[in-house]
Amino acid sequence: MTESGTGGEVSSPPAYNTGMGITYYKIRGRGISVREYGRMCTDPFTFCIAVLAKPFGGIAPAWSIPLVDRLDEVDPDDLPKPAARTLERHAARFEEEGYRPLFTYDLPLLERDRLSAATVLLSDDGWSMAQVLYVKNGEQSQAGLTVGCWCEDGTYATTTNRKLELDPPPGHRIERYVGAAPDELVDRFLDHAAEWEAEEGMKAVKLDAASVRRLLVRSEREAVEHYAERGVLVKMTPKELTKYGIDE
């Protein structure tokens, strides 16, 4: 999700896949830049440790990152209550701004103490979508909100209340308003969308449920493939996968 760029078509899946039909990656701390560590670390001491450890492999959580080719839709009531409540609360505020819920999905993470789920909404006029993301890693959880569109040139252009950590992949344009509520994000998005079209000729494409599903998968894949190419992500080995009951 760079400040500007053009996205391409979804590339073919990598050759290595697990028995579940999904390629899993893990984070490689050595591939994270010093600048990115500066954003990710919460204090100077942790930052210094991360930078010193970088030549020896770096510091990064041993989390599974799936490369998906579809979205696994779920009933929000089947999610843990904290997740369901968070998604419902923020989605309701987007509904007040003229968005209607399309579906909720979660990513197929391998760890039992992790969850990444999102509710996706489409504007009444079909020109933009909103996403409420709930992420839980161990005992920590957080919510993130995004309003965005896809443009004719392939760019995924958004406003979000999530802070910048890793440098975004090409073709993803993001304006950040950390901590912003749904109504502010919608207003900011509409302002930026008008500027993008007037000043740069970036025209949004009209969306429906099918195109939202397709384009979300594309954006997920673009991000994973970009970070894999950078070396921030590396494929999990068969030995690592067997710990989760997955055979090659």
Protein backbone atom coordinates (compact mmCIF):
# COMPACT_ATOMS: atom_id res chain seq x y z
CA MET A 1 0.00 0.00 0.00
CA THR A 2 2.28 2.69 -1.24
CA GLU A 3 1.43 6.33 -1.42
CA SER A 4 0.84 5.79 -5.14
CA GLY A 5 1.17 3.08 -7.75
CA THR A 6 -0.50 0.82 -10.25
CA GLY A 7 -1.62 -2.70 -9.51
CA GLY A 8 -1.41 -5.64 -11.88
CA GLU A 9 -3.27 -8.86 -12.39
CA VAL A 10 -3.15 -11.58 -9.77
CA SER A 11 -0.12 -13.74 -10.40
CA SER A 12 -0.21 -17.52 -10.47
CA PRO A 13 -0.01 -19.30 -7.10
CA PRO A 14 3.50 -20.36 -6.04
CA ALA A 15 4.55 -23.92 -6.76
CA TYR A 16 4.70 -24.99 -3.13
CA ASN A 17 1.34 -25.53 -1.45
CA THR A 18 0.31 -27.27 1.72
CA GLY A 19 -2.04 -30.22 1.85
CA MET A 20 -4.80 -27.71 2.60
CA GLY A 21 -4.23 -26.02 -0.75
CA ILE A 22 -2.80 -22.89 0.88
CA THR A 23 0.76 -21.62 0.82
CA TYR A 24 1.89 -20.44 4.24
CA TYR A 25 4.65 -17.98 4.96
CA LYS A 26 6.30 -16.78 8.14
CA ILE A 27 7.83 -13.40 8.95
CA ARG A 28 11.59 -13.06 8.47
CA GLY A 29 12.94 -10.38 10.77
CA ARG A 30 16.08 -9.84 8.71
CA GLY A 31 13.93 -8.65 5.81
CA ILE A 32 12.35 -5.83 7.82
CA SER A 33 14.09 -2.50 7.24
CA VAL A 34 15.49 -0.32 10.01
CA ARG A 35 12.91 2.34 9.13
CA GLU A 36 10.11 -0.22 9.47
CA TYR A 37 11.45 -1.43 12.81
CA GLY A 38 11.38 2.21 13.91
CA ARG A 39 7.64 2.33 13.23
CA MET A 40 6.90 -1.07 14.72
CA CYS A 41 8.85 -0.84 17.99
CA THR A 42 7.05 0.84 20.86
CA ASP A 43 10.16 2.21 22.63
CA PRO A 44 13.82 3.07 21.89
CA PHE A 45 15.18 0.07 23.82
CA THR A 46 13.17 -2.43 21.77
CA PHE A 47 14.19 -0.63 18.59
CA CYS A 48 17.88 -0.89 19.47
CA ILE A 49 17.55 -4.59 20.21
CA ALA A 50 15.74 -5.15 16.91
CA VAL A 51 18.39 -3.28 14.90
CA LEU A 52 21.26 -5.12 16.62
CA ALA A 53 19.54 -8.45 15.98
CA LYS A 54 18.81 -7.72 12.31
CA PRO A 55 22.11 -9.14 10.89
CA PHE A 56 21.50 -12.34 12.87
CA GLY A 57 17.94 -12.92 11.71
CA GLY A 58 16.11 -10.02 13.29
CA ILE A 59 13.18 -10.03 15.68
CA ALA A 60 9.79 -11.11 14.39
CA PRO A 61 6.86 -13.17 15.69
CA ALA A 62 6.70 -16.72 14.34
CA TRP A 63 3.22 -16.21 12.85
CA SER A 64 1.73 -17.99 9.88
CA ILE A 65 0.76 -15.79 6.92
CA PRO A 66 -1.53 -17.48 4.34
CA LEU A 67 -1.55 -16.74 0.62
CA VAL A 68 -5.25 -17.10 -0.12
CA ASP A 69 -7.06 -17.60 -3.42
CA ARG A 70 -10.53 -17.05 -1.96
CA LEU A 71 -12.21 -15.56 1.10
CA ASP A 72 -13.64 -17.94 3.68
CA GLU A 73 -16.94 -16.33 4.64
CA VAL A 74 -18.23 -16.90 8.16
CA ASP A 75 -21.29 -16.10 10.22
CA PRO A 76 -20.25 -13.37 12.70
CA ASP A 77 -22.14 -15.25 15.41
CA ASP A 78 -19.66 -18.11 14.99
CA LEU A 79 -16.73 -15.86 15.86
CA PRO A 80 -15.56 -15.31 19.46
CA LYS A 81 -17.80 -12.78 21.17
CA PRO A 82 -15.19 -9.99 21.46
CA ALA A 83 -14.56 -10.20 17.72
CA ALA A 84 -18.25 -10.35 16.82
CA ARG A 85 -19.08 -7.38 19.04
CA THR A 86 -16.24 -5.28 17.64
CA LEU A 87 -17.17 -6.00 14.03
CA GLU A 88 -20.85 -5.35 14.67
CA ARG A 89 -20.24 -2.07 16.51
CA HIS A 90 -18.06 -0.51 13.82
CA ALA A 91 -20.11 -1.92 10.94
CA ALA A 92 -23.22 -0.28 12.42
CA ARG A 93 -21.49 3.10 12.29
CA PHE A 94 -20.59 2.57 8.64
CA GLU A 95 -24.23 1.72 7.96
CA GLU A 96 -25.12 5.15 9.31
CA GLU A 97 -22.83 6.57 6.60
CA GLY A 98 -24.63 4.78 3.76
CA TYR A 99 -22.83 1.42 3.63
CA ARG A 100 -24.48 -2.00 3.73
CA PRO A 101 -22.87 -5.21 4.97
CA LEU A 102 -21.88 -7.74 2.30
CA PHE A 103 -20.13 -10.51 4.22
CA THR A 104 -17.70 -11.37 7.01
CA TYR A 105 -14.63 -13.52 6.48
CA ASP A 106 -11.64 -14.77 8.41
CA LEU A 107 -8.17 -15.78 7.29
CA PRO A 108 -7.04 -19.42 7.75
CA LEU A 109 -4.33 -18.83 10.35
CA LEU A 110 -2.65 -21.89 11.84
CA GLU A 111 -2.32 -20.73 15.45
CA ARG A 112 -5.22 -21.32 17.84
CA ASP A 113 -4.61 -18.08 19.73
CA ARG A 114 -4.75 -15.86 16.63
CA LEU A 115 -7.66 -14.49 14.63
CA SER A 116 -7.95 -12.14 11.67
CA ALA A 117 -11.56 -11.44 10.67
CA ALA A 118 -13.23 -8.65 8.76
CA THR A 119 -16.69 -7.39 7.88
CA VAL A 120 -16.93 -5.87 4.41
CA LEU A 121 -19.53 -3.27 3.44
CA LEU A 122 -20.44 -1.62 0.12
CA SER A 123 -21.66 1.93 -0.28
CA ASP A 124 -25.23 2.41 -1.46
CA ASP A 125 -23.97 3.98 -4.69
CA GLY A 126 -21.48 1.15 -5.31
CA TRP A 127 -18.41 3.37 -5.74
CA SER A 128 -16.59 2.49 -2.51
CA MET A 129 -16.34 -0.19 0.16
CA ALA A 130 -15.58 -0.21 3.86
CA GLN A 131 -13.80 -2.85 5.88
CA VAL A 132 -13.82 -3.44 9.63
CA LEU A 133 -10.84 -5.60 10.61
CA TYR A 134 -10.42 -7.42 13.92
CA VAL A 135 -7.00 -8.90 14.68
CA LYS A 136 -6.10 -10.98 17.74
CA ASN A 137 -2.58 -12.23 18.41
CA GLY A 138 -2.35 -14.03 21.72
CA GLU A 139 -3.72 -11.77 24.42
CA GLN A 140 -3.59 -8.64 22.29
CA SER A 141 -6.34 -7.52 19.95
CA GLN A 142 -7.09 -4.45 17.86
CA ALA A 143 -9.56 -3.15 15.31
CA GLY A 144 -8.79 -1.34 12.07
CA LEU A 145 -11.08 0.58 9.71
CA THR A 146 -10.63 1.23 6.00
CA VAL A 147 -12.67 2.98 3.30
CA GLY A 148 -11.51 2.56 -0.27
CA CYS A 149 -12.08 2.01 -3.95
CA TRP A 150 -10.43 0.38 -6.93
CA CYS A 151 -9.44 2.62 -9.80
CA GLU A 152 -9.41 2.00 -13.53
CA ASP A 153 -5.60 1.89 -13.53
CA GLY A 154 -5.65 -0.93 -10.97
CA THR A 155 -4.77 1.15 -7.92
CA TYR A 156 -6.36 0.18 -4.60
CA ALA A 157 -6.90 3.62 -3.04
CA THR A 158 -7.93 3.90 0.60
CA THR A 159 -8.17 5.90 3.78
CA THR A 160 -7.55 4.03 7.01
CA ASN A 161 -7.20 4.60 10.73
CA ARG A 162 -4.37 2.05 10.99
CA LYS A 163 -0.82 3.28 11.54
CA LEU A 164 1.96 2.67 9.06
CA GLU A 165 4.37 -0.16 9.89
CA LEU A 166 5.70 -2.05 6.85
CA ASP A 167 6.16 -0.07 3.64
CA PRO A 168 3.06 -0.77 1.51
CA PRO A 169 3.26 -2.75 -1.75
CA PRO A 170 3.04 -1.09 -5.17
CA GLY A 171 -0.47 -0.44 -6.41
CA HIS A 172 -1.82 0.33 -2.94
CA ARG A 173 -2.38 4.01 -2.18
CA ILE A 174 -3.18 4.87 1.42
CA GLU A 175 -4.02 8.02 3.32
CA ARG A 176 -3.77 7.46 7.07
CA TYR A 177 -5.78 9.07 9.85
CA VAL A 178 -4.79 7.07 12.90
CA GLY A 179 -7.65 6.63 15.36
CA ALA A 180 -10.29 8.14 13.06
CA ALA A 181 -13.91 7.03 13.43
CA PRO A 182 -15.98 5.67 10.52
CA ASP A 183 -17.70 8.98 9.72
CA GLU A 184 -14.39 10.86 9.53
CA LEU A 185 -12.83 8.16 7.36
CA VAL A 186 -15.74 8.32 4.92
CA ASP A 187 -15.50 12.12 4.69
CA ARG A 188 -11.72 11.97 4.23
CA PHE A 189 -12.07 9.29 1.56
CA LEU A 190 -14.61 11.30 -0.43
CA ASP A 191 -12.34 14.36 -0.31
CA HIS A 192 -9.31 12.35 -1.46
CA ALA A 193 -11.28 10.51 -4.16
CA ALA A 194 -12.32 13.85 -5.68
CA GLU A 195 -8.69 15.04 -5.59
CA TRP A 196 -7.35 11.81 -7.09
CA GLU A 197 -9.73 12.06 -10.03
CA ALA A 198 -9.37 15.80 -10.61
CA GLU A 199 -5.59 16.03 -10.21
CA GLU A 200 -4.35 12.59 -11.30
CA GLY A 201 -7.14 11.13 -13.41
CA MET A 202 -7.65 8.20 -11.05
CA LYS A 203 -11.22 7.12 -11.69
CA ALA A 204 -12.97 4.62 -9.43
CA VAL A 205 -14.74 1.58 -10.86
CA LYS A 206 -18.25 0.72 -9.74
CA LEU A 207 -18.40 -2.30 -7.44
CA ASP A 208 -20.76 -5.11 -6.64
CA ALA A 209 -20.47 -8.03 -4.23
CA ALA A 210 -18.66 -10.26 -6.75
CA SER A 211 -16.08 -7.66 -7.73
CA VAL A 212 -15.43 -6.76 -4.09
CA ARG A 213 -14.67 -10.40 -3.30
CA ARG A 214 -12.39 -10.74 -6.32
CA LEU A 215 -10.51 -7.51 -5.71
CA LEU A 216 -10.02 -8.13 -2.00
CA VAL A 217 -8.38 -11.46 -2.81
CA ARG A 218 -6.19 -9.67 -5.33
CA SER A 219 -5.09 -7.06 -2.81
CA GLU A 220 -4.35 -9.74 -0.17
CA ARG A 221 -2.24 -11.70 -2.66
CA GLU A 222 -0.42 -8.60 -3.91
CA ALA A 223 0.64 -7.77 -0.36
CA VAL A 224 1.85 -11.27 0.54
CA GLU A 225 3.68 -11.72 -2.77
CA HIS A 226 5.32 -8.30 -2.44
CA TYR A 227 6.65 -9.00 1.05
CA ALA A 228 7.80 -12.46 -0.03
CA GLU A 229 9.72 -10.90 -2.91
CA ARG A 230 11.29 -8.43 -0.48
CA GLY A 231 12.30 -11.23 1.88
CA VAL A 232 10.07 -10.06 4.72
CA LEU A 233 8.12 -13.31 4.30
CA VAL A 234 9.56 -16.76 3.62
CA LYS A 235 7.69 -20.00 3.01
CA MET A 236 7.16 -22.22 6.01
CA THR A 237 9.04 -25.49 5.72
CA PRO A 238 7.32 -28.92 5.70
CA LYS A 239 8.76 -29.53 9.17
CA GLU A 240 7.25 -26.31 10.48
CA LEU A 241 3.88 -27.16 8.93
CA THR A 242 3.77 -30.62 10.48
CA LYS A 243 3.62 -28.96 13.91
CA TYR A 244 0.15 -27.81 12.89
CA GLY A 245 -0.88 -31.18 11.50
CA ILE A 246 -0.31 -30.23 7.86
CA ASP A 247 1.53 -32.59 5.54
CA GLU A 248 3.31 -31.42 2.42
